[in-house]
Amino acid sequence: MTTGLPQWMYPPRDSGWEADDLDLLPPDAPKHIELLDGALIFNMSPQRSWHDRVIRRLSAALESAAPAGWTIEAQMTVKLDRRSRPEPDVIAAVVPYDPERTRFLPADVALVVEVVSAESADRDRRYKPLLYADAGIRNFWRIEDETGLPAVHTYELDETTSAYVATGVHRDRLETRVPFPVDLVVADLVR
C-alpha cells in the first residue's frame, strides 16, 4: 500500500523549489526544513540533548559577547541564492533584531555555526561549508562531539580562493577576535 504525500510537499513549479517558497509552507509543515540546491531537507530525527544544549549555550555566550547592533539567532535560515536556504544551528549577523525576520541574507551574516549530529554529519562537514564560502560568509564554526565534550573547529574565509581555511580546533578555551571578541570555556557549552 502506498500513501500520497501532502500536497504542499510537491514543488510549486516545474523547475522545483526556490528559497522564498519556504515562507509559504503551511503551519502543519515540519518546523525545520532546509533547501539545498532545490531539494527540501527535513531535519526530523530526534535531537539529542547534547546538541540542543550546545546550541542554547553558545547562542547565549555569543549574545553576551556581541557588540550593539548584532543579532544572534539559533536555527534560522540563510537565503544563499535562489535554490539554497540552509538552516545553520547558530548565526551571528550584523543587523539589528527584527521580530518579523524569517531568514538572513549572506551579506548580513558574519558567522554560521553547525553543531554536528549523526544525521547531518556529511552536510555539516562537507557540503554546507562550500555553500557558505561561495556565498561569502566570512566565518564558519563546526562543533563536534568528542566523547561528550565539544570541540570547536573554526574557519575563516580566504577571499582569494573563496574557501575556508582552518584557524583552530578549540577543546579547552575558545578565544577569538572574529567576528567579534569571544572568550569562553568550551566545556561550559555542555556543563
N, C-alpha and C. Protein backbone atom coordinates (compact mmCIF):
# COMPACT_ATOMS: atom_id res chain seq x y z
N MET A 1 0.84 -1.17 0.00
CA MET A 1 0.00 0.00 0.00
C MET A 1 0.89 1.24 0.00
N THR A 2 0.57 2.20 -0.81
CA THR A 2 1.30 3.45 -0.84
C THR A 2 0.39 4.57 -0.37
N THR A 3 1.00 5.55 0.23
CA THR A 3 0.24 6.73 0.65
C THR A 3 0.81 7.92 -0.08
N GLY A 4 -0.06 8.84 -0.43
CA GLY A 4 0.38 10.03 -1.13
C GLY A 4 0.99 11.03 -0.16
N LEU A 5 1.84 11.85 -0.71
CA LEU A 5 2.43 12.92 0.08
C LEU A 5 1.43 14.06 0.22
N PRO A 6 1.53 14.84 1.29
CA PRO A 6 0.67 16.02 1.37
C PRO A 6 0.95 16.93 0.17
N GLN A 7 -0.05 17.64 -0.28
CA GLN A 7 0.07 18.47 -1.48
C GLN A 7 1.20 19.48 -1.35
N TRP A 8 1.43 20.04 -0.16
CA TRP A 8 2.44 21.08 0.00
C TRP A 8 3.85 20.55 -0.24
N MET A 9 4.06 19.24 -0.20
CA MET A 9 5.39 18.68 -0.39
C MET A 9 5.82 18.62 -1.86
N TYR A 10 4.89 18.87 -2.76
CA TYR A 10 5.22 18.88 -4.18
C TYR A 10 5.72 20.28 -4.56
N PRO A 11 6.78 20.35 -5.37
CA PRO A 11 7.29 21.68 -5.76
C PRO A 11 6.21 22.52 -6.42
N PRO A 12 6.21 23.81 -6.17
CA PRO A 12 5.17 24.69 -6.71
C PRO A 12 5.33 25.01 -8.20
N ARG A 13 6.42 24.56 -8.81
CA ARG A 13 6.66 24.84 -10.24
C ARG A 13 7.49 23.70 -10.82
N ASP A 14 7.47 23.59 -12.12
CA ASP A 14 8.21 22.52 -12.80
C ASP A 14 9.72 22.59 -12.54
N SER A 15 10.23 23.80 -12.36
CA SER A 15 11.68 23.97 -12.12
C SER A 15 12.07 23.65 -10.68
N GLY A 16 11.12 23.31 -9.83
CA GLY A 16 11.42 22.89 -8.46
C GLY A 16 11.24 24.00 -7.43
N TRP A 17 11.79 23.73 -6.26
CA TRP A 17 11.66 24.64 -5.12
C TRP A 17 12.63 25.80 -5.24
N GLU A 18 12.22 26.94 -4.70
CA GLU A 18 13.09 28.11 -4.60
C GLU A 18 13.09 28.59 -3.16
N ALA A 19 14.11 29.36 -2.79
CA ALA A 19 14.32 29.77 -1.40
C ALA A 19 13.11 30.46 -0.79
N ASP A 20 12.45 31.33 -1.54
CA ASP A 20 11.31 32.07 -0.98
C ASP A 20 10.09 31.18 -0.72
N ASP A 21 10.06 30.00 -1.34
CA ASP A 21 8.93 29.09 -1.13
C ASP A 21 8.83 28.62 0.32
N LEU A 22 9.94 28.60 1.05
CA LEU A 22 9.89 28.13 2.44
C LEU A 22 8.99 29.00 3.29
N ASP A 23 8.86 30.29 2.94
CA ASP A 23 7.98 31.18 3.70
C ASP A 23 6.50 30.90 3.44
N LEU A 24 6.20 30.10 2.44
CA LEU A 24 4.81 29.83 2.07
C LEU A 24 4.32 28.46 2.52
N LEU A 25 5.16 27.72 3.24
CA LEU A 25 4.75 26.39 3.69
C LEU A 25 3.63 26.51 4.73
N PRO A 26 2.74 25.53 4.79
CA PRO A 26 1.62 25.61 5.74
C PRO A 26 2.09 25.41 7.18
N PRO A 27 1.28 25.83 8.13
CA PRO A 27 1.65 25.71 9.55
C PRO A 27 1.89 24.27 10.00
N ASP A 28 1.30 23.29 9.33
CA ASP A 28 1.49 21.90 9.74
C ASP A 28 2.75 21.26 9.15
N ALA A 29 3.51 22.02 8.36
CA ALA A 29 4.78 21.51 7.83
C ALA A 29 5.79 21.38 8.97
N PRO A 30 6.74 20.47 8.84
CA PRO A 30 7.77 20.36 9.89
C PRO A 30 8.46 21.70 10.12
N LYS A 31 8.87 21.93 11.34
CA LYS A 31 9.45 23.22 11.73
C LYS A 31 10.80 23.48 11.08
N HIS A 32 11.64 22.48 10.98
CA HIS A 32 12.99 22.68 10.47
C HIS A 32 13.14 22.04 9.10
N ILE A 33 13.02 22.88 8.06
CA ILE A 33 13.19 22.46 6.67
C ILE A 33 14.24 23.36 6.05
N GLU A 34 15.21 22.74 5.37
CA GLU A 34 16.22 23.48 4.64
C GLU A 34 16.00 23.23 3.15
N LEU A 35 16.53 24.15 2.35
CA LEU A 35 16.53 23.96 0.91
C LEU A 35 17.98 23.99 0.46
N LEU A 36 18.45 22.88 -0.10
CA LEU A 36 19.82 22.77 -0.58
C LEU A 36 19.79 22.39 -2.04
N ASP A 37 20.24 23.29 -2.90
CA ASP A 37 20.22 23.08 -4.35
C ASP A 37 18.85 22.65 -4.84
N GLY A 38 17.82 23.27 -4.32
CA GLY A 38 16.46 23.00 -4.76
C GLY A 38 15.80 21.79 -4.14
N ALA A 39 16.50 21.08 -3.25
CA ALA A 39 15.93 19.90 -2.59
C ALA A 39 15.55 20.23 -1.15
N LEU A 40 14.34 19.85 -0.76
CA LEU A 40 13.93 20.04 0.62
C LEU A 40 14.63 19.01 1.50
N ILE A 41 15.18 19.47 2.60
CA ILE A 41 15.82 18.60 3.57
C ILE A 41 15.04 18.74 4.88
N PHE A 42 14.51 17.64 5.37
CA PHE A 42 13.73 17.65 6.60
C PHE A 42 14.62 17.22 7.75
N ASN A 43 14.73 18.04 8.76
CA ASN A 43 15.52 17.71 9.95
C ASN A 43 14.55 17.21 11.01
N MET A 44 14.16 15.94 10.86
CA MET A 44 13.11 15.41 11.70
C MET A 44 13.57 14.34 12.67
N SER A 45 14.83 13.95 12.61
CA SER A 45 15.27 12.93 13.56
C SER A 45 15.30 13.54 14.96
N PRO A 46 15.08 12.74 15.98
CA PRO A 46 15.08 13.29 17.34
C PRO A 46 16.41 13.96 17.65
N GLN A 47 16.34 15.15 18.20
CA GLN A 47 17.54 15.88 18.56
C GLN A 47 18.05 15.44 19.92
N ARG A 48 19.35 15.19 20.00
CA ARG A 48 19.95 14.82 21.28
C ARG A 48 20.02 16.03 22.20
N SER A 49 19.92 15.77 23.47
CA SER A 49 20.03 16.84 24.47
C SER A 49 21.36 17.58 24.33
N TRP A 50 22.45 16.85 24.04
CA TRP A 50 23.77 17.45 23.87
C TRP A 50 23.73 18.52 22.79
N HIS A 51 23.13 18.20 21.65
CA HIS A 51 23.04 19.12 20.52
C HIS A 51 22.27 20.38 20.91
N ASP A 52 21.12 20.21 21.52
CA ASP A 52 20.30 21.34 21.94
C ASP A 52 21.02 22.21 22.96
N ARG A 53 21.68 21.59 23.91
CA ARG A 53 22.38 22.34 24.96
C ARG A 53 23.51 23.18 24.36
N VAL A 54 24.27 22.60 23.44
CA VAL A 54 25.37 23.35 22.81
C VAL A 54 24.81 24.56 22.06
N ILE A 55 23.74 24.37 21.32
CA ILE A 55 23.14 25.48 20.58
C ILE A 55 22.69 26.58 21.54
N ARG A 56 21.96 26.21 22.58
CA ARG A 56 21.43 27.22 23.50
C ARG A 56 22.54 27.95 24.24
N ARG A 57 23.51 27.23 24.71
CA ARG A 57 24.57 27.88 25.50
C ARG A 57 25.52 28.69 24.62
N LEU A 58 25.80 28.21 23.42
CA LEU A 58 26.63 29.01 22.52
C LEU A 58 25.89 30.28 22.13
N SER A 59 24.62 30.17 21.83
CA SER A 59 23.83 31.36 21.48
C SER A 59 23.87 32.39 22.61
N ALA A 60 23.70 31.93 23.84
CA ALA A 60 23.74 32.84 25.00
C ALA A 60 25.11 33.48 25.15
N ALA A 61 26.18 32.69 24.98
CA ALA A 61 27.54 33.22 25.10
C ALA A 61 27.82 34.26 24.02
N LEU A 62 27.38 33.99 22.79
CA LEU A 62 27.59 34.94 21.71
C LEU A 62 26.76 36.21 21.92
N GLU A 63 25.54 36.06 22.41
CA GLU A 63 24.72 37.25 22.71
C GLU A 63 25.39 38.13 23.74
N SER A 64 26.02 37.52 24.74
CA SER A 64 26.72 38.29 25.78
C SER A 64 27.94 39.01 25.22
N ALA A 65 28.59 38.40 24.25
CA ALA A 65 29.83 38.97 23.70
C ALA A 65 29.61 39.93 22.54
N ALA A 66 28.48 39.82 21.88
CA ALA A 66 28.25 40.59 20.65
C ALA A 66 28.13 42.08 20.92
N PRO A 67 28.73 42.89 20.06
CA PRO A 67 28.58 44.34 20.17
C PRO A 67 27.14 44.76 19.86
N ALA A 68 26.80 45.97 20.22
CA ALA A 68 25.48 46.52 19.91
C ALA A 68 25.24 46.47 18.40
N GLY A 69 24.01 46.20 18.01
CA GLY A 69 23.68 46.16 16.59
C GLY A 69 23.79 44.79 15.95
N TRP A 70 24.28 43.81 16.71
CA TRP A 70 24.40 42.45 16.20
C TRP A 70 23.18 41.65 16.62
N THR A 71 22.86 40.63 15.84
CA THR A 71 21.79 39.70 16.18
C THR A 71 22.36 38.29 16.19
N ILE A 72 22.04 37.55 17.23
CA ILE A 72 22.40 36.13 17.33
C ILE A 72 21.10 35.35 17.28
N GLU A 73 21.03 34.40 16.38
CA GLU A 73 19.82 33.58 16.24
C GLU A 73 20.21 32.11 16.16
N ALA A 74 19.33 31.27 16.66
CA ALA A 74 19.51 29.82 16.57
C ALA A 74 18.49 29.27 15.58
N GLN A 75 18.97 28.41 14.72
CA GLN A 75 18.14 27.64 13.80
C GLN A 75 17.21 28.51 12.96
N MET A 76 17.82 29.50 12.31
CA MET A 76 17.14 30.34 11.31
C MET A 76 17.84 30.12 9.98
N THR A 77 17.14 30.33 8.90
CA THR A 77 17.73 30.07 7.59
C THR A 77 18.48 31.28 7.05
N VAL A 78 19.37 30.98 6.09
CA VAL A 78 20.10 31.99 5.34
C VAL A 78 19.81 31.75 3.86
N LYS A 79 19.27 32.75 3.20
CA LYS A 79 18.99 32.62 1.77
C LYS A 79 20.29 32.88 1.01
N LEU A 80 20.96 31.80 0.62
CA LEU A 80 22.25 31.92 -0.06
C LEU A 80 22.09 32.30 -1.52
N ASP A 81 21.08 31.74 -2.15
CA ASP A 81 20.78 32.04 -3.55
C ASP A 81 19.35 31.58 -3.82
N ARG A 82 18.94 31.59 -5.05
CA ARG A 82 17.55 31.26 -5.40
C ARG A 82 17.16 29.84 -5.01
N ARG A 83 18.13 28.90 -4.96
CA ARG A 83 17.79 27.50 -4.71
C ARG A 83 18.40 26.90 -3.44
N SER A 84 19.01 27.73 -2.61
CA SER A 84 19.60 27.21 -1.37
C SER A 84 19.30 28.13 -0.20
N ARG A 85 18.74 27.53 0.84
CA ARG A 85 18.41 28.24 2.07
C ARG A 85 18.62 27.30 3.25
N PRO A 86 19.90 27.08 3.62
CA PRO A 86 20.19 26.18 4.75
C PRO A 86 19.82 26.82 6.08
N GLU A 87 19.77 25.98 7.09
CA GLU A 87 19.44 26.42 8.45
C GLU A 87 20.61 26.09 9.38
N PRO A 88 21.57 27.02 9.53
CA PRO A 88 22.66 26.78 10.48
C PRO A 88 22.10 26.68 11.90
N ASP A 89 22.87 26.06 12.78
CA ASP A 89 22.44 25.96 14.17
C ASP A 89 22.50 27.30 14.89
N VAL A 90 23.51 28.12 14.58
CA VAL A 90 23.64 29.44 15.18
C VAL A 90 24.15 30.40 14.11
N ILE A 91 23.65 31.63 14.15
CA ILE A 91 24.04 32.68 13.22
C ILE A 91 24.38 33.93 14.01
N ALA A 92 25.47 34.61 13.63
CA ALA A 92 25.78 35.95 14.14
C ALA A 92 25.71 36.88 12.94
N ALA A 93 24.80 37.86 13.01
CA ALA A 93 24.58 38.76 11.88
C ALA A 93 24.75 40.20 12.31
N VAL A 94 25.25 41.01 11.38
CA VAL A 94 25.50 42.42 11.65
C VAL A 94 24.27 43.23 11.24
N VAL A 95 23.15 42.87 11.83
CA VAL A 95 21.90 43.59 11.61
C VAL A 95 21.14 43.62 12.94
N PRO A 96 20.33 44.64 13.15
CA PRO A 96 19.55 44.66 14.38
C PRO A 96 18.45 43.60 14.37
N TYR A 97 17.99 43.27 15.53
CA TYR A 97 16.91 42.30 15.70
C TYR A 97 15.66 42.79 14.97
N ASP A 98 15.01 41.87 14.26
CA ASP A 98 13.75 42.16 13.57
C ASP A 98 12.80 41.02 13.90
N PRO A 99 11.74 41.28 14.67
CA PRO A 99 10.84 40.19 15.07
C PRO A 99 10.10 39.54 13.91
N GLU A 100 10.06 40.17 12.74
CA GLU A 100 9.36 39.62 11.58
C GLU A 100 10.30 38.86 10.62
N ARG A 101 11.59 38.84 10.93
CA ARG A 101 12.56 38.18 10.04
C ARG A 101 12.29 36.68 9.97
N THR A 102 12.35 36.14 8.75
CA THR A 102 12.24 34.69 8.56
C THR A 102 13.53 34.10 8.01
N ARG A 103 14.46 34.96 7.59
CA ARG A 103 15.72 34.50 7.02
C ARG A 103 16.72 35.64 7.05
N PHE A 104 17.97 35.27 6.88
CA PHE A 104 19.04 36.25 6.76
C PHE A 104 19.58 36.20 5.33
N LEU A 105 20.28 37.25 4.94
CA LEU A 105 21.00 37.27 3.67
C LEU A 105 22.49 37.14 3.95
N PRO A 106 23.26 36.53 3.06
CA PRO A 106 24.68 36.31 3.32
C PRO A 106 25.46 37.58 3.65
N ALA A 107 25.12 38.69 3.03
CA ALA A 107 25.85 39.94 3.28
C ALA A 107 25.72 40.40 4.73
N ASP A 108 24.67 39.96 5.41
CA ASP A 108 24.44 40.36 6.81
C ASP A 108 25.07 39.40 7.80
N VAL A 109 25.44 38.21 7.35
CA VAL A 109 25.89 37.15 8.25
C VAL A 109 27.41 37.14 8.33
N ALA A 110 27.94 37.22 9.55
CA ALA A 110 29.39 37.20 9.76
C ALA A 110 29.87 35.83 10.24
N LEU A 111 28.97 35.03 10.80
CA LEU A 111 29.35 33.72 11.35
C LEU A 111 28.17 32.77 11.24
N VAL A 112 28.45 31.56 10.77
CA VAL A 112 27.49 30.46 10.85
C VAL A 112 28.15 29.33 11.62
N VAL A 113 27.34 28.66 12.44
CA VAL A 113 27.83 27.55 13.27
C VAL A 113 26.97 26.33 13.00
N GLU A 114 27.61 25.21 12.76
CA GLU A 114 26.92 23.93 12.63
C GLU A 114 27.37 23.04 13.78
N VAL A 115 26.41 22.52 14.54
CA VAL A 115 26.68 21.56 15.60
C VAL A 115 26.36 20.20 14.98
N VAL A 116 27.38 19.39 14.80
CA VAL A 116 27.26 18.15 14.04
C VAL A 116 26.44 17.11 14.81
N SER A 117 25.48 16.53 14.09
CA SER A 117 24.71 15.41 14.62
C SER A 117 24.87 14.24 13.66
N ALA A 118 24.46 13.06 14.07
CA ALA A 118 24.64 11.87 13.24
C ALA A 118 23.96 12.02 11.89
N GLU A 119 22.75 12.56 11.86
CA GLU A 119 22.01 12.66 10.59
C GLU A 119 22.51 13.79 9.70
N SER A 120 23.20 14.77 10.24
CA SER A 120 23.64 15.90 9.43
C SER A 120 25.15 15.95 9.22
N ALA A 121 25.88 14.94 9.67
CA ALA A 121 27.34 14.99 9.68
C ALA A 121 27.93 15.30 8.30
N ASP A 122 27.50 14.61 7.28
CA ASP A 122 28.09 14.84 5.96
C ASP A 122 27.77 16.24 5.46
N ARG A 123 26.52 16.67 5.62
CA ARG A 123 26.17 18.04 5.20
C ARG A 123 26.96 19.07 5.98
N ASP A 124 27.08 18.90 7.29
CA ASP A 124 27.77 19.89 8.14
C ASP A 124 29.27 19.94 7.90
N ARG A 125 29.87 18.81 7.59
CA ARG A 125 31.33 18.76 7.41
C ARG A 125 31.78 19.06 5.99
N ARG A 126 31.01 18.65 5.00
CA ARG A 126 31.48 18.74 3.63
C ARG A 126 30.69 19.71 2.75
N TYR A 127 29.38 19.61 2.80
CA TYR A 127 28.57 20.32 1.82
C TYR A 127 28.27 21.76 2.21
N LYS A 128 27.75 21.97 3.40
CA LYS A 128 27.36 23.33 3.80
C LYS A 128 28.53 24.30 3.85
N PRO A 129 29.71 23.89 4.32
CA PRO A 129 30.83 24.85 4.29
C PRO A 129 31.11 25.39 2.89
N LEU A 130 30.97 24.55 1.87
CA LEU A 130 31.17 25.01 0.49
C LEU A 130 30.14 26.05 0.10
N LEU A 131 28.88 25.81 0.47
CA LEU A 131 27.82 26.76 0.17
C LEU A 131 28.04 28.09 0.89
N TYR A 132 28.39 28.01 2.17
CA TYR A 132 28.61 29.24 2.96
C TYR A 132 29.80 30.04 2.40
N ALA A 133 30.86 29.35 2.04
CA ALA A 133 32.04 30.04 1.48
C ALA A 133 31.70 30.68 0.14
N ASP A 134 31.00 29.95 -0.72
CA ASP A 134 30.60 30.51 -2.02
C ASP A 134 29.74 31.76 -1.85
N ALA A 135 28.95 31.81 -0.77
CA ALA A 135 28.08 32.96 -0.52
C ALA A 135 28.84 34.12 0.13
N GLY A 136 30.11 33.88 0.52
CA GLY A 136 30.93 34.95 1.10
C GLY A 136 30.78 35.15 2.59
N ILE A 137 30.24 34.17 3.31
CA ILE A 137 30.12 34.29 4.77
C ILE A 137 31.52 34.10 5.36
N ARG A 138 31.99 35.11 6.08
CA ARG A 138 33.40 35.19 6.48
C ARG A 138 33.86 34.14 7.48
N ASN A 139 33.00 33.72 8.40
CA ASN A 139 33.43 32.80 9.46
C ASN A 139 32.48 31.62 9.57
N PHE A 140 33.07 30.45 9.76
CA PHE A 140 32.31 29.21 9.90
C PHE A 140 32.91 28.44 11.08
N TRP A 141 32.05 28.00 11.98
CA TRP A 141 32.48 27.14 13.08
C TRP A 141 31.70 25.83 12.98
N ARG A 142 32.39 24.74 13.24
CA ARG A 142 31.77 23.41 13.29
C ARG A 142 32.07 22.83 14.66
N ILE A 143 31.04 22.39 15.36
CA ILE A 143 31.23 21.85 16.70
C ILE A 143 30.96 20.35 16.66
N GLU A 144 31.96 19.60 17.08
CA GLU A 144 31.90 18.14 17.10
C GLU A 144 31.79 17.63 18.54
N ASP A 145 31.14 16.49 18.70
CA ASP A 145 31.04 15.81 20.00
C ASP A 145 32.22 14.85 20.11
N GLU A 146 33.13 15.16 21.02
CA GLU A 146 34.28 14.28 21.27
C GLU A 146 34.09 13.66 22.65
N THR A 147 33.50 12.48 22.65
CA THR A 147 33.19 11.72 23.88
C THR A 147 32.49 12.60 24.92
N GLY A 148 31.45 13.30 24.45
CA GLY A 148 30.62 14.09 25.35
C GLY A 148 31.04 15.53 25.52
N LEU A 149 32.25 15.87 25.10
CA LEU A 149 32.71 17.25 25.21
C LEU A 149 32.80 17.88 23.82
N PRO A 150 32.48 19.16 23.72
CA PRO A 150 32.55 19.79 22.41
C PRO A 150 33.97 20.14 22.00
N ALA A 151 34.19 20.10 20.70
CA ALA A 151 35.42 20.61 20.09
C ALA A 151 34.97 21.58 19.01
N VAL A 152 35.43 22.83 19.11
CA VAL A 152 35.01 23.87 18.18
C VAL A 152 36.10 24.04 17.12
N HIS A 153 35.74 23.73 15.88
CA HIS A 153 36.64 23.90 14.74
C HIS A 153 36.29 25.23 14.09
N THR A 154 37.26 26.15 14.03
CA THR A 154 36.99 27.48 13.50
C THR A 154 37.65 27.66 12.14
N TYR A 155 36.96 28.38 11.26
CA TYR A 155 37.42 28.62 9.90
C TYR A 155 37.16 30.07 9.53
N GLU A 156 38.03 30.61 8.67
CA GLU A 156 37.85 31.96 8.15
C GLU A 156 37.95 31.90 6.63
N LEU A 157 37.16 32.73 5.98
CA LEU A 157 37.13 32.74 4.53
C LEU A 157 38.38 33.39 3.96
N ASP A 158 39.05 32.69 3.06
CA ASP A 158 40.17 33.24 2.30
C ASP A 158 39.57 33.83 1.04
N GLU A 159 39.58 35.14 0.95
CA GLU A 159 38.90 35.80 -0.17
C GLU A 159 39.55 35.52 -1.52
N THR A 160 40.83 35.20 -1.55
CA THR A 160 41.47 34.93 -2.84
C THR A 160 41.06 33.58 -3.42
N THR A 161 40.75 32.62 -2.56
CA THR A 161 40.34 31.30 -3.04
C THR A 161 38.85 31.04 -2.87
N SER A 162 38.17 31.93 -2.14
CA SER A 162 36.74 31.75 -1.82
C SER A 162 36.50 30.42 -1.11
N ALA A 163 37.45 30.03 -0.26
CA ALA A 163 37.34 28.79 0.50
C ALA A 163 37.71 29.08 1.96
N TYR A 164 37.23 28.23 2.85
CA TYR A 164 37.57 28.38 4.26
C TYR A 164 38.94 27.79 4.55
N VAL A 165 39.67 28.46 5.43
CA VAL A 165 40.92 27.93 5.94
C VAL A 165 40.74 27.74 7.44
N ALA A 166 41.28 26.66 7.95
CA ALA A 166 41.17 26.37 9.39
C ALA A 166 41.98 27.37 10.19
N THR A 167 41.39 27.86 11.28
CA THR A 167 42.09 28.77 12.17
C THR A 167 42.29 28.17 13.55
N GLY A 168 41.74 26.98 13.78
CA GLY A 168 41.99 26.33 15.06
C GLY A 168 40.96 25.27 15.41
N VAL A 169 41.36 24.40 16.34
CA VAL A 169 40.47 23.43 16.96
C VAL A 169 40.55 23.72 18.45
N HIS A 170 39.42 24.09 19.03
CA HIS A 170 39.38 24.56 20.42
C HIS A 170 38.65 23.53 21.28
N ARG A 171 39.40 22.89 22.18
CA ARG A 171 38.82 21.90 23.07
C ARG A 171 38.71 22.42 24.49
N ASP A 172 39.58 23.32 24.89
CA ASP A 172 39.56 23.84 26.26
C ASP A 172 38.93 25.23 26.31
N ARG A 173 39.51 26.15 25.58
CA ARG A 173 39.06 27.54 25.60
C ARG A 173 38.97 28.04 24.17
N LEU A 174 37.89 28.76 23.87
CA LEU A 174 37.74 29.40 22.57
C LEU A 174 37.97 30.88 22.77
N GLU A 175 39.08 31.35 22.24
CA GLU A 175 39.42 32.77 22.26
C GLU A 175 39.60 33.20 20.82
N THR A 176 38.79 34.16 20.40
CA THR A 176 38.89 34.64 19.03
C THR A 176 38.52 36.11 18.99
N ARG A 177 38.98 36.80 17.97
CA ARG A 177 38.63 38.21 17.78
C ARG A 177 37.66 38.38 16.62
N VAL A 178 37.37 37.28 15.91
CA VAL A 178 36.45 37.37 14.77
C VAL A 178 35.29 36.40 14.95
N PRO A 179 34.09 36.79 14.65
CA PRO A 179 33.73 38.06 14.06
C PRO A 179 33.70 39.22 15.05
N PHE A 180 33.79 38.89 16.35
CA PHE A 180 33.95 39.87 17.42
C PHE A 180 34.63 39.12 18.56
N PRO A 181 35.20 39.81 19.55
CA PRO A 181 35.91 39.10 20.61
C PRO A 181 35.01 38.13 21.38
N VAL A 182 35.46 36.88 21.46
CA VAL A 182 34.77 35.82 22.19
C VAL A 182 35.81 35.10 23.03
N ASP A 183 35.47 34.85 24.28
CA ASP A 183 36.33 34.09 25.18
C ASP A 183 35.43 33.22 26.04
N LEU A 184 35.48 31.91 25.80
CA LEU A 184 34.63 31.02 26.59
C LEU A 184 35.32 29.68 26.83
N VAL A 185 34.96 29.06 27.93
CA VAL A 185 35.43 27.71 28.25
C VAL A 185 34.54 26.76 27.47
N VAL A 186 35.13 25.98 26.58
CA VAL A 186 34.35 25.15 25.66
C VAL A 186 33.47 24.13 26.41
N ALA A 187 33.97 23.54 27.48
CA ALA A 187 33.19 22.56 28.22
C ALA A 187 31.93 23.18 28.83
N ASP A 188 31.92 24.49 29.03
CA ASP A 188 30.72 25.14 29.58
C ASP A 188 29.54 25.06 28.63
N LEU A 189 29.78 24.71 27.39
CA LEU A 189 28.67 24.56 26.43
C LEU A 189 27.81 23.34 26.74
N VAL A 190 28.34 22.40 27.54
CA VAL A 190 27.55 21.21 27.90
C VAL A 190 27.41 20.99 29.40
N ARG A 191 28.15 21.73 30.19
CA ARG A 191 28.05 21.53 31.65
C ARG A 191 26.86 22.24 32.23
